[in-house]
Protein backbone atom coordinates (compact mmCIF):
# COMPACT_ATOMS: atom_id res chain seq x y z
CA MET A 1 96.61 56.30 176.27
CA THR A 2 93.07 57.55 175.98
CA PRO A 3 92.32 61.07 174.91
CA ASP A 4 90.53 61.88 178.16
CA ALA A 5 93.26 60.56 180.44
CA PRO A 6 95.71 63.12 181.76
CA ALA A 7 99.31 62.78 180.60
CA GLY A 8 101.95 61.64 183.03
CA LEU A 9 104.88 63.80 183.98
CA ASP A 10 107.21 61.71 181.90
CA GLN A 11 105.18 62.46 178.81
CA LEU A 12 105.32 66.29 179.20
CA ARG A 13 107.44 68.22 176.77
CA GLY A 14 110.27 70.47 178.16
CA LEU A 15 109.91 74.22 178.29
CA HIS A 16 111.10 76.03 175.20
CA LEU A 17 111.86 79.71 175.33
CA PRO A 18 111.34 81.71 172.18
CA ALA A 19 114.41 82.19 170.06
CA GLU A 20 116.36 85.33 170.91
CA THR A 21 116.04 87.99 168.34
CA GLY A 22 118.46 90.32 170.10
CA GLY A 23 116.04 93.26 169.92
CA ALA A 24 114.69 93.60 173.44
CA GLN A 25 117.67 92.18 175.28
CA GLY A 26 120.09 94.22 173.19
CA ALA A 27 118.18 97.41 173.93
CA VAL A 28 118.19 96.67 177.66
CA MET A 29 121.95 96.01 177.64
CA LEU A 30 122.55 99.22 175.68
CA ALA A 31 120.50 101.22 178.16
CA ILE A 32 122.44 99.73 181.09
CA ALA A 33 125.76 100.47 179.39
CA LEU A 34 124.74 104.05 178.59
CA GLY A 35 123.53 104.62 182.15
CA PHE A 36 126.77 103.27 183.57
CA THR A 37 128.83 105.44 181.20
CA ALA A 38 126.79 108.55 182.13
CA ALA A 39 127.26 107.83 185.84
CA LEU A 40 130.99 107.40 185.35
CA ALA A 41 131.25 110.65 183.38
CA LEU A 42 129.27 112.58 185.99
CA GLY A 43 131.42 111.18 188.79
CA LEU A 44 134.59 112.09 186.94
CA MET A 45 133.37 115.65 186.31
CA ARG A 46 132.46 116.11 189.97
CA TRP A 47 135.84 114.76 191.08
CA LEU A 48 137.74 117.07 188.69
CA ARG A 49 135.68 120.06 189.81
CA ALA A 50 136.33 119.31 193.48
CA ARG A 51 140.02 118.84 192.74
CA ARG A 52 140.16 122.15 190.86
CA ARG A 53 138.44 123.98 193.70
CA GLY A 54 140.84 122.41 196.18
CA SER A 55 143.85 123.49 194.14
CA VAL A 56 142.46 127.04 193.88
CA ARG A 57 142.03 127.06 197.66
CA ARG A 58 145.58 125.81 198.25
CA ALA A 59 147.09 128.33 195.82
CA ALA A 60 145.04 131.17 197.32
CA LEU A 61 146.11 130.31 200.86
CA ALA A 62 149.76 130.05 199.79
CA ASP A 63 149.59 133.43 198.01
CA LEU A 64 147.88 134.96 201.03
CA ALA A 65 150.62 133.66 203.33
CA ALA A 66 153.21 135.22 201.03
CA ALA A 67 151.29 138.53 200.99
CA ASN A 68 150.95 138.51 204.80
CA ALA A 69 154.74 138.30 205.05
CA LEU A 70 155.07 141.70 203.33
CA PRO A 71 155.21 145.04 205.16
CA PRO A 72 151.75 146.47 205.94
CA GLU A 73 151.76 149.09 203.16
CA ARG A 74 152.56 146.50 200.47
CA ARG A 75 150.46 143.76 202.07
CA ARG A 76 147.10 145.34 201.21
CA VAL A 77 148.06 145.82 197.56
CA ALA A 78 149.15 142.17 197.28
CA GLN A 79 145.94 141.02 198.97
CA ALA A 80 143.86 143.21 196.64
CA GLN A 81 145.61 141.71 193.60
CA LEU A 82 144.98 138.26 194.99
CA LEU A 83 141.29 139.02 195.43
CA ARG A 84 141.07 140.18 191.78
CA ARG A 85 142.78 137.00 190.57
CA LEU A 86 140.46 134.84 192.67
CA ALA A 87 137.36 136.62 191.38
CA ARG A 88 138.60 136.22 187.79
CA THR A 89 139.32 132.54 188.32
CA LEU A 90 136.08 131.66 190.08
CA GLN A 91 133.57 134.03 188.43
CA GLY A 92 135.12 135.40 185.26
CA ASP A 93 136.38 138.71 183.89
CA ALA A 94 133.15 140.64 184.40
CA ALA A 95 133.20 139.98 188.14
CA ALA A 96 136.89 140.91 188.48
CA ASP A 97 136.44 144.19 186.59
CA ALA A 98 133.89 145.62 189.06
CA GLN A 99 134.84 148.80 190.96
CA GLY A 100 133.82 150.47 194.23
CA THR A 101 130.69 149.20 195.96
CA ALA A 102 130.00 146.81 193.06
CA TRP A 103 133.40 145.24 193.73
CA ALA A 104 132.58 144.88 197.43
CA ALA A 105 129.23 143.27 196.59
CA THR A 106 130.95 140.91 194.17
CA LEU A 107 133.41 139.83 196.87
CA ASP A 108 130.58 139.37 199.36
CA ARG A 109 128.72 137.12 196.89
CA LEU A 110 131.90 135.19 196.08
CA PHE A 111 132.67 134.44 199.73
CA ALA A 112 129.06 134.47 201.06
CA THR A 113 129.78 137.17 203.66
CA THR A 114 129.25 140.83 204.44
CA PHE A 115 132.91 141.41 205.31
CA PHE A 116 133.59 143.53 202.22
CA THR A 117 130.48 145.73 202.34
CA ALA A 118 129.88 146.08 206.06
CA GLY A 119 133.15 144.97 207.70
CA ALA A 120 136.82 145.82 207.71
CA GLY A 121 137.11 144.40 204.18
CA ARG A 122 135.65 147.67 202.85
CA ILE A 123 139.26 148.80 202.53
CA PHE A 124 139.53 146.71 199.36
CA ALA A 125 136.61 148.57 197.74
CA GLU A 126 136.96 152.09 199.17
CA GLY A 127 140.68 152.58 198.72
CA LEU A 128 143.82 150.83 199.74
CA TYR A 129 145.78 154.00 200.49
CA GLN A 130 143.35 155.91 202.66
CA ARG A 131 144.35 157.07 206.11
CA GLY A 132 142.97 155.30 209.12
CA ALA A 133 143.06 151.87 207.55
CA PRO A 134 142.06 149.00 209.84
CA GLU A 135 144.72 146.99 211.67
CA PRO A 136 146.20 144.30 209.45
CA GLY A 137 145.76 141.43 211.91
CA PRO A 138 141.94 141.06 211.85
CA VAL A 139 141.74 141.62 208.09
CA ASP A 140 144.45 139.02 207.45
CA ALA A 141 142.76 136.49 209.72
CA GLU A 142 139.36 137.02 208.08
CA LEU A 143 140.84 136.67 204.59
CA ALA A 144 142.50 133.42 205.62
CA ARG A 145 139.19 132.14 207.01
CA LEU A 146 137.33 133.10 203.81
CA PHE A 147 139.99 131.59 201.52
CA ALA A 148 139.90 128.34 203.50
CA ARG A 149 136.19 128.02 202.62
CA ILE A 150 136.74 128.24 198.86
CA GLY A 151 135.08 125.25 197.23
CA ALA A 152 133.95 123.78 200.53
């Protein structure tokens, strides 16, 4: 073979990849594993949070049904206690300790409504035992609707 003549295909040497040092490929595999683990952890946290909210909703609706079975004079007190427990569970002690118009505003923020400041739900902030309280039916129905939206 002459130096100027091109080599035939059968004379070409096979491709050789550099020897693996483990540095770059190991770093890539570690990044993939960490990303997968983070995604799994985030998914698990979201699932647990949704499950917790769902269980709070179910418990609240069950307690509301039990309160609605009481006579009207005891019903409002049981509903007010339930609202305090819900506020404490969902927003903490500071929210549940509010009084008067601050309590009504807290409930409105909690349920994203104006039922407690501008509607019949004012009874829970202004006084449970005042005369001329609203009829129990509409208040009960609105509470059930609001409780059904917890965590949704």
